[in-house]
N, C-alpha and C. Protein backbone atom coordinates (compact mmCIF):
# COMPACT_ATOMS: atom_id res chain seq x y z
N MET A 1 98.72 72.15 79.52
CA MET A 1 97.30 71.58 79.16
C MET A 1 97.35 70.66 78.11
N LEU A 2 96.95 69.70 78.22
CA LEU A 2 97.16 68.43 77.63
C LEU A 2 95.87 68.96 76.39
N SER A 3 95.68 68.72 75.55
CA SER A 3 94.72 68.62 74.34
C SER A 3 93.29 67.93 74.57
N SER A 4 92.55 67.77 73.90
CA SER A 4 91.33 66.78 74.31
C SER A 4 91.13 65.81 72.98
N CYS A 5 91.52 66.58 71.60
CA CYS A 5 91.73 66.36 70.88
C CYS A 5 93.29 65.66 69.83
N VAL A 6 93.21 64.83 69.03
CA VAL A 6 94.46 65.38 67.60
C VAL A 6 93.33 65.49 66.91
N THR A 7 94.05 65.57 66.05
CA THR A 7 93.75 66.23 64.75
C THR A 7 94.81 66.15 63.61
N TYR A 8 94.39 65.83 62.51
CA TYR A 8 95.66 65.18 61.28
C TYR A 8 94.56 65.81 59.71
N ASP A 9 95.95 66.45 59.61
CA ASP A 9 95.76 67.01 58.35
C ASP A 9 96.21 66.60 57.14
N PHE A 10 95.98 66.06 56.25
CA PHE A 10 96.16 65.68 54.64
C PHE A 10 96.66 66.83 53.81
N LYS A 11 97.71 67.32 53.66
CA LYS A 11 98.49 68.19 52.80
C LYS A 11 99.52 67.49 51.94
N ASN A 12 99.47 67.82 50.74
CA ASN A 12 100.56 68.10 49.92
C ASN A 12 101.25 68.85 49.74
N SER A 13 102.46 68.47 49.12
CA SER A 13 104.26 69.49 48.94
C SER A 13 104.08 70.40 48.65
N LYS A 14 102.73 70.77 48.55
CA LYS A 14 101.75 72.18 47.78
C LYS A 14 101.20 72.79 48.65
N ASN A 15 101.42 72.17 49.88
CA ASN A 15 100.50 72.68 51.03
C ASN A 15 98.65 72.65 51.02
N GLU A 16 98.86 72.11 49.53
CA GLU A 16 96.97 72.02 49.61
C GLU A 16 95.72 70.91 50.68
N TYR A 17 94.98 72.00 51.14
CA TYR A 17 94.36 70.65 52.43
C TYR A 17 93.76 70.15 51.38
N PHE A 18 93.68 68.38 52.37
CA PHE A 18 92.69 67.88 51.59
C PHE A 18 91.81 67.23 52.30
N GLY A 19 91.76 67.43 53.54
CA GLY A 19 91.20 66.84 54.78
C GLY A 19 91.78 66.46 56.24
N GLY A 20 90.95 65.79 56.35
CA GLY A 20 91.69 65.08 57.51
C GLY A 20 90.99 63.68 59.17
N ALA A 21 91.21 64.64 59.97
CA ALA A 21 90.44 63.35 61.44
C ALA A 21 90.91 63.74 62.22
N ILE A 22 89.54 63.86 63.21
CA ILE A 22 90.10 64.27 64.61
C ILE A 22 89.42 62.78 65.43
N SER A 23 90.95 62.61 66.47
CA SER A 23 90.20 61.56 67.40
C SER A 23 90.92 62.25 68.94
N PRO A 24 89.70 61.55 69.91
CA PRO A 24 89.91 61.84 71.14
C PRO A 24 92.03 61.82 71.76
N GLY A 25 91.91 62.77 71.82
CA GLY A 25 93.12 63.05 72.57
C GLY A 25 93.89 62.47 73.97
N LEU A 26 94.62 62.61 73.91
CA LEU A 26 95.36 61.66 75.67
C LEU A 26 94.78 62.34 76.87
N HIS A 27 94.49 63.04 77.05
CA HIS A 27 93.50 63.45 78.79
C HIS A 27 92.31 63.46 77.91
N MET A 28 91.43 62.83 76.89
CA MET A 28 89.85 62.75 76.54
C MET A 28 89.93 60.94 76.64
N ARG A 29 91.18 60.24 76.51
CA ARG A 29 91.49 58.96 77.13
C ARG A 29 91.31 58.66 78.10
N TYR A 30 91.82 59.01 79.08
CA TYR A 30 92.32 58.91 80.39
C TYR A 30 90.91 59.26 81.30
N LYS A 31 90.26 59.81 80.76
CA LYS A 31 88.96 60.39 81.23
C LYS A 31 87.65 59.69 80.94
N ALA A 32 87.87 59.19 79.55
CA ALA A 32 86.41 58.09 79.16
C ALA A 32 87.10 57.06 80.11
N MET A 33 87.44 56.08 80.11
CA MET A 33 88.11 55.55 81.25
C MET A 33 87.29 55.39 82.73
N HIS A 34 87.95 56.60 83.46
CA HIS A 34 87.50 56.64 84.21
C HIS A 34 86.04 57.03 84.54
N THR A 35 85.88 58.12 83.19
CA THR A 35 83.64 57.95 83.15
C THR A 35 83.08 57.07 82.94
N PHE A 36 83.90 56.37 82.18
CA PHE A 36 82.82 55.15 81.53
C PHE A 36 82.45 53.96 81.76
N THR A 37 83.06 53.74 83.51
CA THR A 37 83.61 52.86 84.41
C THR A 37 83.60 52.55 85.24
N GLU A 38 83.26 51.55 86.37
CA GLU A 38 82.84 52.06 87.63
C GLU A 38 84.21 53.02 88.39
N LYS A 39 85.15 51.37 88.13
CA LYS A 39 85.69 51.55 89.14
C LYS A 39 86.82 52.10 88.35
N LEU A 40 87.53 52.35 87.39
CA LEU A 40 88.84 53.03 86.93
C LEU A 40 89.56 53.76 87.53
N PRO A 41 90.99 54.19 88.09
CA PRO A 41 90.82 55.92 88.79
C PRO A 41 91.02 57.10 87.32
N LEU A 42 90.95 57.94 87.37
CA LEU A 42 91.10 58.76 86.77
C LEU A 42 92.74 58.79 86.86
N LEU A 43 93.26 59.08 85.68
CA LEU A 43 95.19 59.37 86.27
C LEU A 43 95.63 60.31 85.00
N GLU A 44 96.45 60.77 85.78
CA GLU A 44 96.76 61.69 84.50
C GLU A 44 98.40 60.85 83.44
N PRO A 45 99.32 61.58 82.72
CA PRO A 45 99.95 60.69 81.38
C PRO A 45 100.81 60.64 82.79
N GLU A 46 101.71 59.80 82.47
CA GLU A 46 103.07 59.63 82.72
C GLU A 46 104.36 59.50 81.90
N GLU A 47 104.78 59.88 82.22
CA GLU A 47 106.21 59.62 80.74
C GLU A 47 106.84 58.74 80.57
N GLU A 48 106.95 57.52 81.56
CA GLU A 48 106.92 56.46 80.50
C GLU A 48 106.69 55.64 81.61
N VAL A 49 106.12 54.71 80.23
CA VAL A 49 105.27 53.35 80.44
C VAL A 49 106.06 52.61 79.81
N SER A 50 105.89 51.29 80.22
CA SER A 50 105.93 49.55 79.35
C SER A 50 104.85 49.43 78.59
N LEU A 51 105.71 48.57 77.49
CA LEU A 51 104.24 47.75 76.74
C LEU A 51 103.41 47.36 77.28
N ILE A 52 103.84 46.10 78.69
CA ILE A 52 102.61 45.21 79.26
C ILE A 52 102.02 46.08 80.67
N GLY A 53 101.41 46.68 80.80
CA GLY A 53 100.85 46.86 82.39
C GLY A 53 100.53 45.44 83.07
N ASN A 54 101.36 45.78 84.42
CA ASN A 54 101.48 44.78 84.87
C ASN A 54 100.54 45.13 86.69
N SER A 55 99.97 45.91 86.29
CA SER A 55 98.61 46.28 87.39
C SER A 55 97.15 47.32 86.50
N THR A 56 96.27 47.51 87.67
CA THR A 56 95.46 48.36 86.63
C THR A 56 95.55 49.18 86.00
N ARG A 57 96.63 50.09 86.92
CA ARG A 57 96.77 51.60 86.53
C ARG A 57 98.24 51.43 85.52
N ASN A 58 99.55 50.85 85.69
CA ASN A 58 99.91 50.80 84.04
C ASN A 58 99.41 50.26 83.14
N SER A 59 98.31 49.32 83.16
CA SER A 59 97.55 48.86 82.35
C SER A 59 97.22 49.97 81.17
N MET A 60 96.10 51.02 81.98
CA MET A 60 95.50 51.93 81.71
C MET A 60 97.09 52.53 81.38
N HIS A 61 97.68 53.57 81.39
CA HIS A 61 98.87 54.14 80.97
C HIS A 61 99.19 53.26 79.38
N THR A 62 99.92 52.38 80.01
CA THR A 62 100.06 51.82 78.53
C THR A 62 99.25 51.58 77.36
N GLY A 63 97.56 51.47 77.73
CA GLY A 63 96.72 51.56 76.74
C GLY A 63 96.23 52.26 76.56
N ALA A 64 96.48 54.22 76.90
CA ALA A 64 95.84 55.12 76.33
C ALA A 64 97.34 55.86 75.82
N ILE A 65 98.67 55.55 76.12
CA ILE A 65 100.01 56.44 75.48
C ILE A 65 100.15 55.50 74.56
N MET A 66 100.26 54.17 74.46
CA MET A 66 100.49 53.02 73.44
C MET A 66 99.83 53.57 72.60
N GLY A 67 98.48 53.40 72.78
CA GLY A 67 97.62 53.44 71.78
C GLY A 67 97.19 54.79 70.99
N LEU A 68 97.52 55.46 71.93
CA LEU A 68 98.09 56.87 70.34
C LEU A 68 98.63 57.09 69.94
N THR A 69 99.76 56.50 69.94
CA THR A 69 101.06 56.35 69.87
C THR A 69 101.19 55.90 68.28
N ALA A 70 100.57 54.41 68.84
CA ALA A 70 99.73 53.40 67.46
C ALA A 70 98.75 54.13 66.49
N GLU A 71 98.05 54.66 66.71
CA GLU A 71 97.24 55.70 66.19
C GLU A 71 97.92 56.53 65.13
N ILE A 72 98.34 57.08 66.20
CA ILE A 72 99.21 58.45 64.65
C ILE A 72 100.36 57.67 64.19
N ASP A 73 101.05 56.76 64.76
CA ASP A 73 102.14 55.98 63.36
C ASP A 73 101.08 55.48 62.53
N GLY A 74 99.59 55.11 62.26
CA GLY A 74 99.05 54.42 61.41
C GLY A 74 98.71 55.48 60.44
N MET A 75 97.86 56.08 61.24
CA MET A 75 97.77 57.42 60.27
C MET A 75 99.16 58.01 59.51
N ILE A 76 99.91 58.28 60.43
CA ILE A 76 100.93 58.71 58.98
C ILE A 76 101.76 57.60 57.98
N ASP A 77 101.60 56.19 58.26
CA ASP A 77 101.70 55.37 57.42
C ASP A 77 100.29 55.10 56.34
N ALA A 78 99.14 55.49 56.45
CA ALA A 78 98.09 55.55 55.84
C ALA A 78 97.82 56.57 54.89
N TYR A 79 98.36 58.05 55.61
CA TYR A 79 98.78 58.88 54.45
C TYR A 79 99.83 59.19 53.81
N ARG A 80 100.75 58.35 54.42
CA ARG A 80 102.12 57.65 53.16
C ARG A 80 101.76 57.01 51.97
N ALA A 81 100.93 56.04 52.24
CA ALA A 81 100.56 55.09 51.30
C ALA A 81 99.23 55.61 50.23
N VAL A 82 98.58 56.71 50.97
CA VAL A 82 97.61 57.44 49.62
C VAL A 82 98.66 57.97 48.60
N ILE A 83 99.29 58.54 49.32
CA ILE A 83 100.76 59.24 48.77
C ILE A 83 101.96 58.88 47.83
N LYS A 84 101.66 58.23 47.79
CA LYS A 84 102.51 56.46 46.94
C LYS A 84 101.34 56.17 45.25
N ASN A 85 100.50 56.38 45.89
CA ASN A 85 99.11 55.73 44.90
C ASN A 85 98.69 56.78 43.59
C-alpha cells in the first residue's frame, strides 16, 4: 500500500527531534490530479518514468514521481544546510 503522505523528521546526531514536515505522498498526488481536474485519469505509479512525458499519461507519471523525488532531495539539502549553520 502506498502511503498517503511523506513525513520528514529533523533530528540531530544525538537523535534529538526538532520538528519536521508533512507533504502529499505519491498516491495522494495521483488522486489529486484525477479528483481536481475534469479529464485526467486516475493512474497507478509506474516503476520507470522518463524526465519528459510525451503523452498526458506519461506527463502525469513524470510530474508525480519526479516531482516527489525532487521534493525529497530538496528537503534533504535544506536540512543539511541548517546543520552546517
